[in-house]
Amino acid sequence: QVLLLTLFFRHFPKLIEAGHVYVARPPLFRVDVEARSKRPARKIYALDEGELTHILDKLRQEGLR
């Protein structure tokens, strides 16, 4: 990732200045929430451990996990 960004920074700085270069980051975690009454099963994705903790806390408050 760093090498690719360095390439764009050195050879295509105007693309970066114009905001046309993005770094895509896939989520690290997937939380599978089971179906409950009328709510269908769902998948929630978390980008990092902080977001995962927030999702799990929210699910515990809802009584789902």
N, C-alpha and C. Protein backbone atom coordinates (compact mmCIF):
# COMPACT_ATOMS: atom_id res chain seq x y z
N GLN A 1 0.83 -1.18 0.00
CA GLN A 1 0.00 0.00 0.00
C GLN A 1 0.88 1.25 0.00
N VAL A 2 1.90 1.25 0.82
CA VAL A 2 2.78 2.41 0.90
C VAL A 2 3.52 2.62 -0.41
N LEU A 3 3.97 1.53 -1.02
CA LEU A 3 4.68 1.66 -2.30
C LEU A 3 3.78 2.24 -3.38
N LEU A 4 2.55 1.81 -3.41
CA LEU A 4 1.62 2.32 -4.42
C LEU A 4 1.32 3.80 -4.19
N LEU A 5 1.13 4.19 -2.93
CA LEU A 5 0.90 5.60 -2.64
C LEU A 5 2.12 6.45 -2.97
N THR A 6 3.31 5.91 -2.73
CA THR A 6 4.54 6.63 -3.08
C THR A 6 4.63 6.84 -4.59
N LEU A 7 4.26 5.83 -5.35
CA LEU A 7 4.25 5.95 -6.81
C LEU A 7 3.34 7.09 -7.25
N PHE A 8 2.12 7.13 -6.72
CA PHE A 8 1.20 8.19 -7.10
C PHE A 8 1.69 9.55 -6.61
N PHE A 9 2.28 9.59 -5.42
CA PHE A 9 2.76 10.86 -4.88
C PHE A 9 3.89 11.43 -5.71
N ARG A 10 4.79 10.58 -6.17
CA ARG A 10 5.95 11.06 -6.93
C ARG A 10 5.63 11.35 -8.40
N HIS A 11 4.81 10.51 -9.01
CA HIS A 11 4.58 10.63 -10.45
C HIS A 11 3.26 11.31 -10.82
N PHE A 12 2.30 11.28 -9.92
CA PHE A 12 0.99 11.87 -10.22
C PHE A 12 0.49 12.73 -9.05
N PRO A 13 1.26 13.73 -8.63
CA PRO A 13 0.85 14.52 -7.47
C PRO A 13 -0.46 15.29 -7.69
N LYS A 14 -0.74 15.64 -8.93
CA LYS A 14 -1.97 16.40 -9.19
C LYS A 14 -3.21 15.55 -8.94
N LEU A 15 -3.10 14.24 -9.16
CA LEU A 15 -4.23 13.36 -8.85
C LEU A 15 -4.54 13.37 -7.35
N ILE A 16 -3.49 13.36 -6.54
CA ILE A 16 -3.67 13.39 -5.09
C ILE A 16 -4.23 14.73 -4.66
N GLU A 17 -3.68 15.82 -5.20
CA GLU A 17 -4.16 17.16 -4.85
C GLU A 17 -5.62 17.35 -5.23
N ALA A 18 -6.03 16.73 -6.34
CA ALA A 18 -7.42 16.86 -6.79
C ALA A 18 -8.35 15.92 -6.03
N GLY A 19 -7.79 15.03 -5.21
CA GLY A 19 -8.62 14.12 -4.42
C GLY A 19 -9.13 12.93 -5.19
N HIS A 20 -8.39 12.50 -6.21
CA HIS A 20 -8.83 11.38 -7.03
C HIS A 20 -8.20 10.04 -6.65
N VAL A 21 -7.34 10.03 -5.64
CA VAL A 21 -6.69 8.79 -5.21
C VAL A 21 -7.28 8.39 -3.87
N TYR A 22 -7.80 7.17 -3.79
CA TYR A 22 -8.43 6.66 -2.58
C TYR A 22 -7.73 5.38 -2.14
N VAL A 23 -7.74 5.13 -0.86
CA VAL A 23 -7.19 3.89 -0.31
C VAL A 23 -8.37 3.06 0.18
N ALA A 24 -8.60 1.94 -0.45
CA ALA A 24 -9.70 1.06 -0.05
C ALA A 24 -9.20 0.12 1.04
N ARG A 25 -9.94 0.06 2.13
CA ARG A 25 -9.57 -0.82 3.24
C ARG A 25 -10.72 -1.77 3.52
N PRO A 26 -10.52 -3.05 3.36
CA PRO A 26 -11.59 -4.01 3.63
C PRO A 26 -11.81 -4.14 5.14
N PRO A 27 -13.01 -4.52 5.54
CA PRO A 27 -13.25 -4.72 6.97
C PRO A 27 -12.46 -5.91 7.49
N LEU A 28 -12.04 -5.84 8.75
CA LEU A 28 -11.27 -6.92 9.34
C LEU A 28 -12.16 -7.96 10.02
N PHE A 29 -13.37 -7.55 10.43
CA PHE A 29 -14.24 -8.44 11.20
C PHE A 29 -15.63 -8.49 10.59
N ARG A 30 -16.29 -9.65 10.74
CA ARG A 30 -17.69 -9.80 10.36
C ARG A 30 -18.43 -10.38 11.55
N VAL A 31 -19.53 -9.75 11.91
CA VAL A 31 -20.37 -10.23 13.00
C VAL A 31 -21.65 -10.76 12.38
N ASP A 32 -21.93 -12.05 12.60
CA ASP A 32 -23.16 -12.65 12.10
C ASP A 32 -24.22 -12.57 13.19
N VAL A 33 -25.31 -11.85 12.90
CA VAL A 33 -26.40 -11.70 13.85
C VAL A 33 -27.52 -12.63 13.40
N GLU A 34 -27.94 -13.50 14.31
CA GLU A 34 -28.97 -14.48 13.98
C GLU A 34 -30.33 -13.81 13.81
N ALA A 35 -31.20 -14.49 13.07
CA ALA A 35 -32.56 -13.99 12.87
C ALA A 35 -33.30 -14.07 14.20
N ARG A 36 -34.14 -13.07 14.44
CA ARG A 36 -34.91 -13.04 15.67
C ARG A 36 -36.29 -12.49 15.37
N SER A 37 -37.31 -13.22 15.75
CA SER A 37 -38.72 -12.90 15.48
C SER A 37 -38.88 -12.45 14.03
N LYS A 38 -39.21 -11.20 13.81
CA LYS A 38 -39.43 -10.74 12.43
C LYS A 38 -38.17 -10.15 11.79
N ARG A 39 -37.12 -10.01 12.55
CA ARG A 39 -35.88 -9.45 12.00
C ARG A 39 -35.08 -10.56 11.31
N PRO A 40 -34.69 -10.33 10.10
CA PRO A 40 -33.89 -11.35 9.38
C PRO A 40 -32.46 -11.40 9.90
N ALA A 41 -31.77 -12.47 9.57
CA ALA A 41 -30.35 -12.57 9.91
C ALA A 41 -29.59 -11.50 9.14
N ARG A 42 -28.52 -11.01 9.74
CA ARG A 42 -27.75 -9.96 9.06
C ARG A 42 -26.28 -10.11 9.39
N LYS A 43 -25.47 -9.46 8.59
CA LYS A 43 -24.02 -9.45 8.77
C LYS A 43 -23.59 -8.00 8.95
N ILE A 44 -22.81 -7.77 9.98
CA ILE A 44 -22.30 -6.43 10.25
C ILE A 44 -20.78 -6.49 10.15
N TYR A 45 -20.20 -5.56 9.44
CA TYR A 45 -18.76 -5.55 9.23
C TYR A 45 -18.11 -4.43 10.04
N ALA A 46 -16.94 -4.72 10.61
CA ALA A 46 -16.20 -3.74 11.41
C ALA A 46 -14.81 -3.55 10.82
N LEU A 47 -14.41 -2.31 10.73
CA LEU A 47 -13.12 -1.97 10.12
C LEU A 47 -11.94 -2.24 11.05
N ASP A 48 -12.16 -2.04 12.36
CA ASP A 48 -11.07 -2.26 13.31
C ASP A 48 -11.64 -2.77 14.64
N GLU A 49 -10.76 -2.99 15.61
CA GLU A 49 -11.20 -3.56 16.89
C GLU A 49 -12.09 -2.60 17.67
N GLY A 50 -11.85 -1.31 17.56
CA GLY A 50 -12.68 -0.32 18.23
C GLY A 50 -14.11 -0.36 17.73
N GLU A 51 -14.27 -0.44 16.43
CA GLU A 51 -15.60 -0.52 15.84
C GLU A 51 -16.27 -1.84 16.19
N LEU A 52 -15.50 -2.93 16.24
CA LEU A 52 -16.03 -4.23 16.63
C LEU A 52 -16.56 -4.18 18.06
N THR A 53 -15.81 -3.58 18.96
CA THR A 53 -16.25 -3.46 20.35
C THR A 53 -17.54 -2.67 20.44
N HIS A 54 -17.63 -1.58 19.69
CA HIS A 54 -18.84 -0.75 19.68
C HIS A 54 -20.04 -1.56 19.18
N ILE A 55 -19.87 -2.32 18.12
CA ILE A 55 -20.95 -3.14 17.56
C ILE A 55 -21.40 -4.19 18.57
N LEU A 56 -20.44 -4.88 19.19
CA LEU A 56 -20.79 -5.92 20.16
C LEU A 56 -21.51 -5.33 21.37
N ASP A 57 -21.08 -4.15 21.84
CA ASP A 57 -21.76 -3.49 22.96
C ASP A 57 -23.19 -3.13 22.58
N LYS A 58 -23.37 -2.63 21.38
CA LYS A 58 -24.70 -2.26 20.91
C LYS A 58 -25.61 -3.49 20.81
N LEU A 59 -25.06 -4.60 20.32
CA LEU A 59 -25.85 -5.82 20.22
C LEU A 59 -26.21 -6.36 21.60
N ARG A 60 -25.31 -6.25 22.57
CA ARG A 60 -25.61 -6.69 23.94
C ARG A 60 -26.73 -5.85 24.53
N GLN A 61 -26.73 -4.55 24.26
CA GLN A 61 -27.79 -3.67 24.76
C GLN A 61 -29.14 -4.05 24.16
N GLU A 62 -29.13 -4.49 22.90
CA GLU A 62 -30.36 -4.92 22.25
C GLU A 62 -30.77 -6.32 22.69
N GLY A 63 -29.89 -6.99 23.42
CA GLY A 63 -30.19 -8.34 23.90
C GLY A 63 -30.01 -9.40 22.83
N LEU A 64 -29.22 -9.11 21.81
CA LEU A 64 -29.06 -10.06 20.71
C LEU A 64 -27.87 -10.98 20.90
N ARG A 65 -26.89 -10.55 21.65
CA ARG A 65 -25.69 -11.37 21.76
C ARG A 65 -25.24 -11.50 23.17
